[in-house]
Amino acid sequence: MCIFCKIVKGKLPSNKVAENDSFLAFHDINPQAPIHVLVIPKLHVECFQDTAGEMMAEMTPFIQKVATKLGLDSNGYRLITNNGDDGGQEVKHLHFHLLGGTKLKWDRMVADPKAENI
């Protein structure tokens, strides 16, 4: 069972932002921005490439509501999903990083995600 499935089942704690029957949003334990939330489906789906369009049709308004709840809807935010090993996916459970709370930089791609630029 992956770490996100353990969070969904309540076997690991999380700082929840929002939840419904299908999706969960919680604060990242290693934030890369002032606001860094992960949004996941409760159903285990390994990656974006394996995601049904119907799931994304339901997940989109959930993510938008989370962004609004966090006050990110007016000034903007970044929404990222990493897909597969070359895409930098570390946890093999579909998840979106919702980042905001500051003007985010996008100067270059870096090998180290903990580099000085967000």
PDB file of N, CA and C in Angstrom:
ATOM      1  N   MET A   1       0.856  -1.172   0.000  1.00  0.00           N
ATOM      2  CA  MET A   1       0.000   0.000   0.000  1.00  0.00           C
ATOM      3  C   MET A   1       0.907   1.242   0.000  1.00  0.00           C
ATOM      4  N   CYS A   2       0.631   2.178  -0.891  1.00  0.00           N
ATOM      5  CA  CYS A   2       1.462   3.380  -0.995  1.00  0.00           C
ATOM      6  C   CYS A   2       1.163   4.357   0.142  1.00  0.00           C
ATOM      7  N   ILE A   3       2.058   5.311   0.320  1.00  0.00           N
ATOM      8  CA  ILE A   3       1.927   6.272   1.420  1.00  0.00           C
ATOM      9  C   ILE A   3       0.622   7.080   1.330  1.00  0.00           C
ATOM     10  N   PHE A   4       0.194   7.442   0.116  1.00  0.00           N
ATOM     11  CA  PHE A   4      -1.037   8.216  -0.010  1.00  0.00           C
ATOM     12  C   PHE A   4      -2.271   7.364   0.289  1.00  0.00           C
ATOM     13  N   CYS A   5      -2.235   6.091  -0.070  1.00  0.00           N
ATOM     14  CA  CYS A   5      -3.347   5.195   0.290  1.00  0.00           C
ATOM     15  C   CYS A   5      -3.432   5.045   1.807  1.00  0.00           C
ATOM     16  N   LYS A   6      -2.268   5.031   2.480  1.00  0.00           N
ATOM     17  CA  LYS A   6      -2.267   4.961   3.943  1.00  0.00           C
ATOM     18  C   LYS A   6      -2.870   6.226   4.542  1.00  0.00           C
ATOM     19  N   ILE A   7      -2.606   7.366   3.936  1.00  0.00           N
ATOM     20  CA  ILE A   7      -3.207   8.624   4.403  1.00  0.00           C
ATOM     21  C   ILE A   7      -4.717   8.595   4.200  1.00  0.00           C
ATOM     22  N   VAL A   8      -5.153   8.143   3.034  1.00  0.00           N
ATOM     23  CA  VAL A   8      -6.592   8.059   2.748  1.00  0.00           C
ATOM     24  C   VAL A   8      -7.286   7.150   3.758  1.00  0.00           C
ATOM     25  N   LYS A   9      -6.658   6.039   4.117  1.00  0.00           N
ATOM     26  CA  LYS A   9      -7.266   5.075   5.035  1.00  0.00           C
ATOM     27  C   LYS A   9      -7.110   5.467   6.506  1.00  0.00           C
ATOM     28  N   GLY A  10      -6.417   6.599   6.766  1.00  0.00           N
ATOM     29  CA  GLY A  10      -6.253   7.063   8.133  1.00  0.00           C
ATOM     30  C   GLY A  10      -5.141   6.367   8.897  1.00  0.00           C
ATOM     31  N   LYS A  11      -4.311   5.605   8.205  1.00  0.00           N
ATOM     32  CA  LYS A  11      -3.197   4.907   8.859  1.00  0.00           C
ATOM     33  C   LYS A  11      -1.994   5.814   9.064  1.00  0.00           C
ATOM     34  N   LEU A  12      -1.942   6.922   8.343  1.00  0.00           N
ATOM     35  CA  LEU A  12      -0.922   7.954   8.512  1.00  0.00           C
ATOM     36  C   LEU A  12      -1.635   9.291   8.646  1.00  0.00           C
ATOM     37  N   PRO A  13      -1.122  10.183   9.488  1.00  0.00           N
ATOM     38  CA  PRO A  13      -1.773  11.484   9.665  1.00  0.00           C
ATOM     39  C   PRO A  13      -1.499  12.426   8.503  1.00  0.00           C
ATOM     40  N   SER A  14      -2.377  13.392   8.340  1.00  0.00           N
ATOM     41  CA  SER A  14      -2.168  14.458   7.361  1.00  0.00           C
ATOM     42  C   SER A  14      -2.870  15.708   7.873  1.00  0.00           C
ATOM     43  N   ASN A  15      -2.397  16.844   7.410  1.00  0.00           N
ATOM     44  CA  ASN A  15      -3.017  18.126   7.744  1.00  0.00           C
ATOM     45  C   ASN A  15      -3.993  18.447   6.615  1.00  0.00           C
ATOM     46  N   LYS A  16      -5.228  17.996   6.765  1.00  0.00           N
ATOM     47  CA  LYS A  16      -6.224  18.088   5.698  1.00  0.00           C
ATOM     48  C   LYS A  16      -6.678  19.523   5.460  1.00  0.00           C
ATOM     49  N   VAL A  17      -6.876  19.822   4.176  1.00  0.00           N
ATOM     50  CA  VAL A  17      -7.424  21.107   3.750  1.00  0.00           C
ATOM     51  C   VAL A  17      -8.874  20.924   3.321  1.00  0.00           C
ATOM     52  N   ALA A  18      -9.132  19.859   2.574  1.00  0.00           N
ATOM     53  CA  ALA A  18     -10.483  19.586   2.064  1.00  0.00           C
ATOM     54  C   ALA A  18     -10.587  18.100   1.744  1.00  0.00           C
ATOM     55  N   GLU A  19     -11.827  17.620   1.759  1.00  0.00           N
ATOM     56  CA  GLU A  19     -12.062  16.213   1.488  1.00  0.00           C
ATOM     57  C   GLU A  19     -13.495  16.025   1.036  1.00  0.00           C
ATOM     58  N   ASN A  20     -13.682  15.097   0.111  1.00  0.00           N
ATOM     59  CA  ASN A  20     -15.024  14.634  -0.220  1.00  0.00           C
ATOM     60  C   ASN A  20     -14.944  13.122  -0.406  1.00  0.00           C
ATOM     61  N   ASP A  21     -15.961  12.512  -0.954  1.00  0.00           N
ATOM     62  CA  ASP A  21     -15.972  11.056  -1.091  1.00  0.00           C
ATOM     63  C   ASP A  21     -14.885  10.541  -2.031  1.00  0.00           C
ATOM     64  N   SER A  22     -14.431  11.372  -2.964  1.00  0.00           N
ATOM     65  CA  SER A  22     -13.499  10.910  -3.995  1.00  0.00           C
ATOM     66  C   SER A  22     -12.085  11.469  -3.896  1.00  0.00           C
ATOM     67  N   PHE A  23     -11.916  12.637  -3.259  1.00  0.00           N
ATOM     68  CA  PHE A  23     -10.626  13.322  -3.277  1.00  0.00           C
ATOM     69  C   PHE A  23     -10.247  13.850  -1.902  1.00  0.00           C
ATOM     70  N   LEU A  24      -8.940  14.062  -1.750  1.00  0.00           N
ATOM     71  CA  LEU A  24      -8.396  14.583  -0.503  1.00  0.00           C
ATOM     72  C   LEU A  24      -7.314  15.610  -0.834  1.00  0.00           C
ATOM     73  N   ALA A  25      -7.308  16.707  -0.103  1.00  0.00           N
ATOM     74  CA  ALA A  25      -6.263  17.725  -0.221  1.00  0.00           C
ATOM     75  C   ALA A  25      -5.643  17.921   1.154  1.00  0.00           C
ATOM     76  N   PHE A  26      -4.316  17.925   1.198  1.00  0.00           N
ATOM     77  CA  PHE A  26      -3.618  18.083   2.472  1.00  0.00           C
ATOM     78  C   PHE A  26      -2.290  18.793   2.250  1.00  0.00           C
ATOM     79  N   HIS A  27      -1.782  19.419   3.317  1.00  0.00           N
ATOM     80  CA  HIS A  27      -0.531  20.165   3.231  1.00  0.00           C
ATOM     81  C   HIS A  27       0.646  19.218   3.027  1.00  0.00           C
ATOM     82  N   ASP A  28       1.555  19.605   2.129  1.00  0.00           N
ATOM     83  CA  ASP A  28       2.773  18.848   1.877  1.00  0.00           C
ATOM     84  C   ASP A  28       3.686  18.966   3.100  1.00  0.00           C
ATOM     85  N   ILE A  29       4.338  17.874   3.477  1.00  0.00           N
ATOM     86  CA  ILE A  29       5.225  17.913   4.651  1.00  0.00           C
ATOM     87  C   ILE A  29       6.575  18.558   4.335  1.00  0.00           C
ATOM     88  N   ASN A  30       6.866  18.769   3.052  1.00  0.00           N
ATOM     89  CA  ASN A  30       8.107  19.422   2.633  1.00  0.00           C
ATOM     90  C   ASN A  30       7.756  20.543   1.654  1.00  0.00           C
ATOM     91  N   PRO A  31       7.122  21.620   2.151  1.00  0.00           N
ATOM     92  CA  PRO A  31       6.606  22.654   1.248  1.00  0.00           C
ATOM     93  C   PRO A  31       7.696  23.367   0.454  1.00  0.00           C
ATOM     94  N   GLN A  32       7.370  23.642  -0.805  1.00  0.00           N
ATOM     95  CA  GLN A  32       8.258  24.345  -1.714  1.00  0.00           C
ATOM     96  C   GLN A  32       7.768  25.762  -1.994  1.00  0.00           C
ATOM     97  N   ALA A  33       6.713  26.171  -1.316  1.00  0.00           N
ATOM     98  CA  ALA A  33       6.134  27.509  -1.450  1.00  0.00           C
ATOM     99  C   ALA A  33       5.391  27.798  -0.147  1.00  0.00           C
ATOM    100  N   PRO A  34       5.029  29.064   0.109  1.00  0.00           N
ATOM    101  CA  PRO A  34       4.285  29.370   1.334  1.00  0.00           C
ATOM    102  C   PRO A  34       3.021  28.519   1.499  1.00  0.00           C
ATOM    103  N   ILE A  35       2.352  28.249   0.398  1.00  0.00           N
ATOM    104  CA  ILE A  35       1.220  27.314   0.401  1.00  0.00           C
ATOM    105  C   ILE A  35       1.579  26.190  -0.558  1.00  0.00           C
ATOM    106  N   HIS A  36       1.602  24.972  -0.041  1.00  0.00           N
ATOM    107  CA  HIS A  36       1.912  23.797  -0.859  1.00  0.00           C
ATOM    108  C   HIS A  36       1.023  22.661  -0.384  1.00  0.00           C
ATOM    109  N   VAL A  37       0.023  22.370  -1.188  1.00  0.00           N
ATOM    110  CA  VAL A  37      -0.977  21.360  -0.869  1.00  0.00           C
ATOM    111  C   VAL A  37      -0.921  20.268  -1.924  1.00  0.00           C
ATOM    112  N   LEU A  38      -1.108  19.036  -1.500  1.00  0.00           N
ATOM    113  CA  LEU A  38      -1.224  17.910  -2.420  1.00  0.00           C
ATOM    114  C   LEU A  38      -2.694  17.554  -2.556  1.00  0.00           C
ATOM    115  N   VAL A  39      -3.117  17.291  -3.778  1.00  0.00           N
ATOM    116  CA  VAL A  39      -4.494  16.888  -4.043  1.00  0.00           C
ATOM    117  C   VAL A  39      -4.441  15.514  -4.700  1.00  0.00           C
ATOM    118  N   ILE A  40      -5.138  14.564  -4.100  1.00  0.00           N
ATOM    119  CA  ILE A  40      -5.087  13.185  -4.580  1.00  0.00           C
ATOM    120  C   ILE A  40      -6.489  12.596  -4.726  1.00  0.00           C
ATOM    121  N   PRO A  41      -6.627  11.629  -5.638  1.00  0.00           N
ATOM    122  CA  PRO A  41      -7.863  10.843  -5.623  1.00  0.00           C
ATOM    123  C   PRO A  41      -7.754   9.812  -4.505  1.00  0.00           C
ATOM    124  N   LYS A  42      -8.863   9.485  -3.895  1.00  0.00           N
ATOM    125  CA  LYS A  42      -8.844   8.447  -2.862  1.00  0.00           C
ATOM    126  C   LYS A  42      -8.637   7.068  -3.477  1.00  0.00           C
ATOM    127  N   LEU A  43      -9.090   6.895  -4.680  1.00  0.00           N
ATOM    128  CA  LEU A  43      -8.858   5.659  -5.424  1.00  0.00           C
ATOM    129  C   LEU A  43      -7.406   5.649  -5.895  1.00  0.00           C
ATOM    130  N   HIS A  44      -6.709   4.548  -5.715  1.00  0.00           N
ATOM    131  CA  HIS A  44      -5.315   4.483  -6.152  1.00  0.00           C
ATOM    132  C   HIS A  44      -5.246   4.435  -7.679  1.00  0.00           C
ATOM    133  N   VAL A  45      -4.657   5.457  -8.236  1.00  0.00           N
ATOM    134  CA  VAL A  45      -4.325   5.533  -9.661  1.00  0.00           C
ATOM    135  C   VAL A  45      -2.849   5.884  -9.682  1.00  0.00           C
ATOM    136  N   GLU A  46      -2.052   5.110 -10.399  1.00  0.00           N
ATOM    137  CA  GLU A  46      -0.605   5.279 -10.312  1.00  0.00           C
ATOM    138  C   GLU A  46      -0.104   6.623 -10.826  1.00  0.00           C
ATOM    139  N   CYS A  47      -0.610   7.056 -11.969  1.00  0.00           N
ATOM    140  CA  CYS A  47      -0.070   8.286 -12.556  1.00  0.00           C
ATOM    141  C   CYS A  47      -1.108   8.940 -13.474  1.00  0.00           C
ATOM    142  N   PHE A  48      -0.793  10.148 -13.904  1.00  0.00           N
ATOM    143  CA  PHE A  48      -1.708  10.891 -14.771  1.00  0.00           C
ATOM    144  C   PHE A  48      -1.997  10.130 -16.057  1.00  0.00           C
ATOM    145  N   GLN A  49      -1.001   9.468 -16.599  1.00  0.00           N
ATOM    146  CA  GLN A  49      -1.170   8.732 -17.851  1.00  0.00           C
ATOM    147  C   GLN A  49      -2.243   7.646 -17.721  1.00  0.00           C
ATOM    148  N   ASP A  50      -2.446   7.140 -16.518  1.00  0.00           N
ATOM    149  CA  ASP A  50      -3.432   6.082 -16.269  1.00  0.00           C
ATOM    150  C   ASP A  50      -4.795   6.621 -15.826  1.00  0.00           C
ATOM    151  N   THR A  51      -4.952   7.934 -15.801  1.00  0.00           N
ATOM    152  CA  THR A  51      -6.158   8.549 -15.253  1.00  0.00           C
ATOM    153  C   THR A  51      -7.268   8.660 -16.291  1.00  0.00           C
ATOM    154  N   ALA A  52      -8.444   8.229 -15.903  1.00  0.00           N
ATOM    155  CA  ALA A  52      -9.606   8.352 -16.787  1.00  0.00           C
ATOM    156  C   ALA A  52     -10.050   9.810 -16.859  1.00  0.00           C
ATOM    157  N   GLY A  53     -10.525  10.199 -18.025  1.00  0.00           N
ATOM    158  CA  GLY A  53     -11.019  11.562 -18.208  1.00  0.00           C
ATOM    159  C   GLY A  53     -12.143  11.906 -17.252  1.00  0.00           C
ATOM    160  N   GLU A  54     -12.966  10.921 -16.936  1.00  0.00           N
ATOM    161  CA  GLU A  54     -14.085  11.138 -16.019  1.00  0.00           C
ATOM    162  C   GLU A  54     -13.591  11.539 -14.626  1.00  0.00           C
ATOM    163  N   MET A  55     -12.474  10.930 -14.202  1.00  0.00           N
ATOM    164  CA  MET A  55     -11.921  11.293 -12.896  1.00  0.00           C
ATOM    165  C   MET A  55     -11.440  12.733 -12.916  1.00  0.00           C
ATOM    166  N   MET A  56     -10.777  13.126 -13.978  1.00  0.00           N
ATOM    167  CA  MET A  56     -10.285  14.501 -14.072  1.00  0.00           C
ATOM    168  C   MET A  56     -11.439  15.488 -14.138  1.00  0.00           C
ATOM    169  N   ALA A  57     -12.537  15.089 -14.769  1.00  0.00           N
ATOM    170  CA  ALA A  57     -13.707  15.967 -14.836  1.00  0.00           C
ATOM    171  C   ALA A  57     -14.272  16.228 -13.443  1.00  0.00           C
ATOM    172  N   GLU A  58     -14.146  15.268 -12.537  1.00  0.00           N
ATOM    173  CA  GLU A  58     -14.588  15.456 -11.153  1.00  0.00           C
ATOM    174  C   GLU A  58     -13.523  16.134 -10.307  1.00  0.00           C
ATOM    175  N   MET A  59     -12.265  15.852 -10.599  1.00  0.00           N
ATOM    176  CA  MET A  59     -11.165  16.383  -9.787  1.00  0.00           C
ATOM    177  C   MET A  59     -10.946  17.875 -10.038  1.00  0.00           C
ATOM    178  N   THR A  60     -11.174  18.323 -11.251  1.00  0.00           N
ATOM    179  CA  THR A  60     -10.950  19.728 -11.592  1.00  0.00           C
ATOM    180  C   THR A  60     -11.730  20.685 -10.686  1.00  0.00           C
ATOM    181  N   PRO A  61     -13.046  20.540 -10.531  1.00  0.00           N
ATOM    182  CA  PRO A  61     -13.755  21.471  -9.642  1.00  0.00           C
ATOM    183  C   PRO A  61     -13.331  21.324  -8.181  1.00  0.00           C
ATOM    184  N   PHE A  62     -12.909  20.131  -7.769  1.00  0.00           N
ATOM    185  CA  PHE A  62     -12.419  19.957  -6.402  1.00  0.00           C
ATOM    186  C   PHE A  62     -11.152  20.787  -6.196  1.00  0.00           C
ATOM    187  N   ILE A  63     -10.223  20.706  -7.134  1.00  0.00           N
ATOM    188  CA  ILE A  63      -8.981  21.481  -7.038  1.00  0.00           C
ATOM    189  C   ILE A  63      -9.301  22.977  -7.052  1.00  0.00           C
ATOM    190  N   GLN A  64     -10.213  23.402  -7.888  1.00  0.00           N
ATOM    191  CA  GLN A  64     -10.593  24.817  -7.941  1.00  0.00           C
ATOM    192  C   GLN A  64     -11.169  25.284  -6.599  1.00  0.00           C
ATOM    193  N   LYS A  65     -11.973  24.444  -5.970  1.00  0.00           N
ATOM    194  CA  LYS A  65     -12.533  24.797  -4.658  1.00  0.00           C
ATOM    195  C   LYS A  65     -11.439  24.892  -3.594  1.00  0.00           C
ATOM    196  N   VAL A  66     -10.457  23.993  -3.657  1.00  0.00           N
ATOM    197  CA  VAL A  66      -9.338  24.043  -2.713  1.00  0.00           C
ATOM    198  C   VAL A  66      -8.561  25.347  -2.905  1.00  0.00           C
ATOM    199  N   ALA A  67      -8.288  25.702  -4.160  1.00  0.00           N
ATOM    200  CA  ALA A  67      -7.567  26.951  -4.446  1.00  0.00           C
ATOM    201  C   ALA A  67      -8.335  28.156  -3.900  1.00  0.00           C
ATOM    202  N   THR A  68      -9.642  28.161  -4.052  1.00  0.00           N
ATOM    203  CA  THR A  68     -10.462  29.250  -3.537  1.00  0.00           C
ATOM    204  C   THR A  68     -10.439  29.265  -2.010  1.00  0.00           C
ATOM    205  N   LYS A  69     -10.572  28.107  -1.402  1.00  0.00           N
ATOM    206  CA  LYS A  69     -10.548  28.017   0.062  1.00  0.00           C
ATOM    207  C   LYS A  69      -9.237  28.561   0.627  1.00  0.00           C
ATOM    208  N   LEU A  70      -8.138  28.343  -0.084  1.00  0.00           N
ATOM    209  CA  LEU A  70      -6.825  28.810   0.362  1.00  0.00           C
ATOM    210  C   LEU A  70      -6.543  30.256  -0.041  1.00  0.00           C
ATOM    211  N   GLY A  71      -7.485  30.888  -0.747  1.00  0.00           N
ATOM    212  CA  GLY A  71      -7.319  32.273  -1.166  1.00  0.00           C
ATOM    213  C   GLY A  71      -6.367  32.451  -2.325  1.00  0.00           C
ATOM    214  N   LEU A  72      -6.169  31.403  -3.112  1.00  0.00           N
ATOM    215  CA  LEU A  72      -5.232  31.463  -4.232  1.00  0.00           C
ATOM    216  C   LEU A  72      -5.900  31.816  -5.556  1.00  0.00           C
ATOM    217  N   ASP A  73      -7.210  31.801  -5.580  1.00  0.00           N
ATOM    218  CA  ASP A  73      -7.940  31.987  -6.833  1.00  0.00           C
ATOM    219  C   ASP A  73      -7.773  33.373  -7.433  1.00  0.00           C
ATOM    220  N   SER A  74      -7.571  34.398  -6.619  1.00  0.00           N
ATOM    221  CA  SER A  74      -7.488  35.758  -7.165  1.00  0.00           C
ATOM    222  C   SER A  74      -6.095  36.121  -7.681  1.00  0.00           C
ATOM    223  N   ASN A  75      -5.043  35.719  -6.959  1.00  0.00           N
ATOM    224  CA  ASN A  75      -3.685  36.088  -7.385  1.00  0.00           C
ATOM    225  C   ASN A  75      -2.999  35.017  -8.216  1.00  0.00           C
ATOM    226  N   GLY A  76      -3.499  33.801  -8.174  1.00  0.00           N
ATOM    227  CA  GLY A  76      -2.933  32.739  -8.991  1.00  0.00           C
ATOM    228  C   GLY A  76      -2.165  31.702  -8.197  1.00  0.00           C
ATOM    229  N   TYR A  77      -1.889  30.628  -8.867  1.00  0.00           N
ATOM    230  CA  TYR A  77      -1.199  29.492  -8.266  1.00  0.00           C
ATOM    231  C   TYR A  77      -0.618  28.631  -9.373  1.00  0.00           C
ATOM    232  N   ARG A  78       0.203  27.691  -8.972  1.00  0.00           N
ATOM    233  CA  ARG A  78       0.769  26.718  -9.915  1.00  0.00           C
ATOM    234  C   ARG A  78       0.218  25.353  -9.550  1.00  0.00           C
ATOM    235  N   LEU A  79      -0.180  24.602 -10.565  1.00  0.00           N
ATOM    236  CA  LEU A  79      -0.688  23.253 -10.383  1.00  0.00           C
ATOM    237  C   LEU A  79       0.219  22.325 -11.181  1.00  0.00           C
ATOM    238  N   ILE A  80       0.838  21.370 -10.496  1.00  0.00           N
ATOM    239  CA  ILE A  80       1.834  20.498 -11.126  1.00  0.00           C
ATOM    240  C   ILE A  80       1.503  19.046 -10.830  1.00  0.00           C
ATOM    241  N   THR A  81       1.655  18.198 -11.841  1.00  0.00           N
ATOM    242  CA  THR A  81       1.691  16.763 -11.598  1.00  0.00           C
ATOM    243  C   THR A  81       2.911  16.211 -12.318  1.00  0.00           C
ATOM    244  N   ASN A  82       3.620  15.362 -11.632  1.00  0.00           N
ATOM    245  CA  ASN A  82       4.780  14.694 -12.216  1.00  0.00           C
ATOM    246  C   ASN A  82       4.326  13.311 -12.649  1.00  0.00           C
ATOM    247  N   ASN A  83       4.733  12.907 -13.846  1.00  0.00           N
ATOM    248  CA  ASN A  83       4.257  11.650 -14.408  1.00  0.00           C
ATOM    249  C   ASN A  83       5.444  10.749 -14.747  1.00  0.00           C
ATOM    250  N   GLY A  84       5.560   9.640 -14.026  1.00  0.00           N
ATOM    251  CA  GLY A  84       6.618   8.672 -14.293  1.00  0.00           C
ATOM    252  C   GLY A  84       7.981   9.115 -13.789  1.00  0.00           C
ATOM    253  N   ASP A  85       8.943   8.217 -13.930  1.00  0.00           N
ATOM    254  CA  ASP A  85      10.286   8.460 -13.406  1.00  0.00           C
ATOM    255  C   ASP A  85      10.949   9.680 -14.031  1.00  0.00           C
ATOM    256  N   ASP A  86      10.911   9.804 -15.347  1.00  0.00           N
ATOM    257  CA  ASP A  86      11.558  10.946 -15.998  1.00  0.00           C
ATOM    258  C   ASP A  86      10.835  12.253 -15.700  1.00  0.00           C
ATOM    259  N   GLY A  87       9.578  12.177 -15.338  1.00  0.00           N
ATOM    260  CA  GLY A  87       8.819  13.363 -14.979  1.00  0.00           C
ATOM    261  C   GLY A  87       8.993  13.756 -13.520  1.00  0.00           C
ATOM    262  N   GLY A  88       9.758  12.967 -12.770  1.00  0.00           N
ATOM    263  CA  GLY A  88      10.035  13.288 -11.377  1.00  0.00           C
ATOM    264  C   GLY A  88       9.007  12.773 -10.382  1.00  0.00           C
ATOM    265  N   GLN A  89       8.172  11.830 -10.798  1.00  0.00           N
ATOM    266  CA  GLN A  89       7.158  11.304  -9.877  1.00  0.00           C
ATOM    267  C   GLN A  89       7.817  10.413  -8.836  1.00  0.00           C
ATOM    268  N   GLU A  90       7.717  10.812  -7.567  1.00  0.00           N
ATOM    269  CA  GLU A  90       8.331  10.047  -6.482  1.00  0.00           C
ATOM    270  C   GLU A  90       7.347   9.097  -5.824  1.00  0.00           C
ATOM    271  N   VAL A  91       6.105   9.511  -5.660  1.00  0.00           N
ATOM    272  CA  VAL A  91       5.068   8.650  -5.087  1.00  0.00           C
ATOM    273  C   VAL A  91       4.189   8.179  -6.238  1.00  0.00           C
ATOM    274  N   LYS A  92       4.091   6.874  -6.400  1.00  0.00           N
ATOM    275  CA  LYS A  92       3.331   6.295  -7.513  1.00  0.00           C
ATOM    276  C   LYS A  92       1.838   6.234  -7.175  1.00  0.00           C
ATOM    277  N   HIS A  93       1.279   7.408  -6.960  1.00  0.00           N
ATOM    278  CA  HIS A  93      -0.156   7.612  -6.746  1.00  0.00           C
ATOM    279  C   HIS A  93      -0.420   9.004  -7.310  1.00  0.00           C
ATOM    280  N   LEU A  94      -1.350   9.101  -8.236  1.00  0.00           N
ATOM    281  CA  LEU A  94      -1.640  10.390  -8.862  1.00  0.00           C
ATOM    282  C   LEU A  94      -1.792  11.467  -7.800  1.00  0.00           C
ATOM    283  N   HIS A  95      -1.070  12.563  -7.985  1.00  0.00           N
ATOM    284  CA  HIS A  95      -1.224  13.697  -7.087  1.00  0.00           C
ATOM    285  C   HIS A  95      -0.834  14.982  -7.805  1.00  0.00           C
ATOM    286  N   PHE A  96      -1.511  16.038  -7.411  1.00  0.00           N
ATOM    287  CA  PHE A  96      -1.231  17.365  -7.935  1.00  0.00           C
ATOM    288  C   PHE A  96      -0.664  18.214  -6.810  1.00  0.00           C
ATOM    289  N   HIS A  97       0.378  18.961  -7.130  1.00  0.00           N
ATOM    290  CA  HIS A  97       0.943  19.938  -6.202  1.00  0.00           C
ATOM    291  C   HIS A  97       0.272  21.275  -6.505  1.00  0.00           C
ATOM    292  N   LEU A  98      -0.364  21.846  -5.516  1.00  0.00           N
ATOM    293  CA  LEU A  98      -0.986  23.165  -5.631  1.00  0.00           C
ATOM    294  C   LEU A  98      -0.105  24.121  -4.832  1.00  0.00           C
ATOM    295  N   LEU A  99       0.588  25.016  -5.549  1.00  0.00           N
ATOM    296  CA  LEU A  99       1.548  25.922  -4.925  1.00  0.00           C
ATOM    297  C   LEU A  99       1.125  27.362  -5.109  1.00  0.00           C
ATOM    298  N   GLY A 100       1.306  28.165  -4.061  1.00  0.00           N
ATOM    299  CA  GLY A 100       0.975  29.579  -4.165  1.00  0.00           C
ATOM    300  C   GLY A 100       1.375  30.329  -2.918  1.00  0.00           C
ATOM    301  N   GLY A 101       0.807  31.516  -2.787  1.00  0.00           N
ATOM    302  CA  GLY A 101       1.100  32.344  -1.639  1.00  0.00           C
ATOM    303  C   GLY A 101       2.255  33.296  -1.850  1.00  0.00           C
ATOM    304  N   THR A 102       2.831  33.278  -3.041  1.00  0.00           N
ATOM    305  CA  THR A 102       3.917  34.180  -3.420  1.00  0.00           C
ATOM    306  C   THR A 102       4.021  34.170  -4.942  1.00  0.00           C
ATOM    307  N   LYS A 103       4.777  35.102  -5.483  1.00  0.00           N
ATOM    308  CA  LYS A 103       5.032  35.088  -6.923  1.00  0.00           C
ATOM    309  C   LYS A 103       6.050  33.985  -7.187  1.00  0.00           C
ATOM    310  N   LEU A 104       5.632  32.958  -7.864  1.00  0.00           N
ATOM    311  CA  LEU A 104       6.480  31.796  -8.105  1.00  0.00           C
ATOM    312  C   LEU A 104       7.407  32.034  -9.290  1.00  0.00           C
ATOM    313  N   LYS A 105       8.641  31.607  -9.147  1.00  0.00           N
ATOM    314  CA  LYS A 105       9.631  31.759 -10.227  1.00  0.00           C
ATOM    315  C   LYS A 105       9.570  30.549 -11.147  1.00  0.00           C
ATOM    316  N   TRP A 106       9.995  30.760 -12.370  1.00  0.00           N
ATOM    317  CA  TRP A 106      10.094  29.676 -13.349  1.00  0.00           C
ATOM    318  C   TRP A 106      11.253  30.025 -14.275  1.00  0.00           C
ATOM    319  N   ASP A 107      12.443  30.085 -13.706  1.00  0.00           N
ATOM    320  CA  ASP A 107      13.621  30.496 -14.460  1.00  0.00           C
ATOM    321  C   ASP A 107      14.182  29.390 -15.335  1.00  0.00           C
ATOM    322  N   ARG A 108      14.196  28.167 -14.807  1.00  0.00           N
ATOM    323  CA  ARG A 108      14.800  27.055 -15.537  1.00  0.00           C
ATOM    324  C   ARG A 108      14.402  25.754 -14.840  1.00  0.00           C
ATOM    325  N   MET A 109      14.612  24.690 -15.529  1.00  0.00           N
ATOM    326  CA  MET A 109      14.422  23.387 -14.913  1.00  0.00           C
ATOM    327  C   MET A 109      15.719  23.052 -14.188  1.00  0.00           C
ATOM    328  N   VAL A 110      15.617  22.513 -13.004  1.00  0.00           N
ATOM    329  CA  VAL A 110      16.800  22.153 -12.231  1.00  0.00           C
ATOM    330  C   VAL A 110      16.730  20.688 -11.828  1.00  0.00           C
ATOM    331  N   ALA A 111      17.875  20.075 -11.709  1.00  0.00           N
ATOM    332  CA  ALA A 111      17.927  18.671 -11.320  1.00  0.00           C
ATOM    333  C   ALA A 111      17.528  18.482  -9.861  1.00  0.00           C
ATOM    334  N   ASP A 112      17.827  19.482  -9.024  1.00  0.00           N
ATOM    335  CA  ASP A 112      17.527  19.389  -7.601  1.00  0.00           C
ATOM    336  C   ASP A 112      16.292  20.223  -7.290  1.00  0.00           C
ATOM    337  N   PRO A 113      15.147  19.580  -6.948  1.00  0.00           N
ATOM    338  CA  PRO A 113      13.925  20.354  -6.678  1.00  0.00           C
ATOM    339  C   PRO A 113      14.026  21.238  -5.442  1.00  0.00           C
ATOM    340  N   LYS A 114      15.061  21.079  -4.653  1.00  0.00           N
ATOM    341  CA  LYS A 114      15.234  21.904  -3.470  1.00  0.00           C
ATOM    342  C   LYS A 114      16.184  23.069  -3.743  1.00  0.00           C
ATOM    343  N   ALA A 115      16.468  23.310  -5.018  1.00  0.00           N
ATOM    344  CA  ALA A 115      17.338  24.416  -5.393  1.00  0.00           C
ATOM    345  C   ALA A 115      16.672  25.738  -5.018  1.00  0.00           C
ATOM    346  N   GLU A 116      17.410  26.828  -5.150  1.00  0.00           N
ATOM    347  CA  GLU A 116      16.946  28.128  -4.675  1.00  0.00           C
ATOM    348  C   GLU A 116      15.692  28.641  -5.383  1.00  0.00           C
ATOM    349  N   ASN A 117      15.423  28.246  -6.590  1.00  0.00           N
ATOM    350  CA  ASN A 117      14.224  28.722  -7.305  1.00  0.00           C
ATOM    351  C   ASN A 117      13.084  27.754  -7.120  1.00  0.00           C
ATOM    352  N   ILE A 118      11.903  28.304  -6.895  1.00  0.00           N
ATOM    353  CA  ILE A 118      10.701  27.468  -6.712  1.00  0.00           C
ATOM    354  C   ILE A 118      10.113  27.197  -8.080  1.00  0.00           C
TER     355      ILE A 118
END
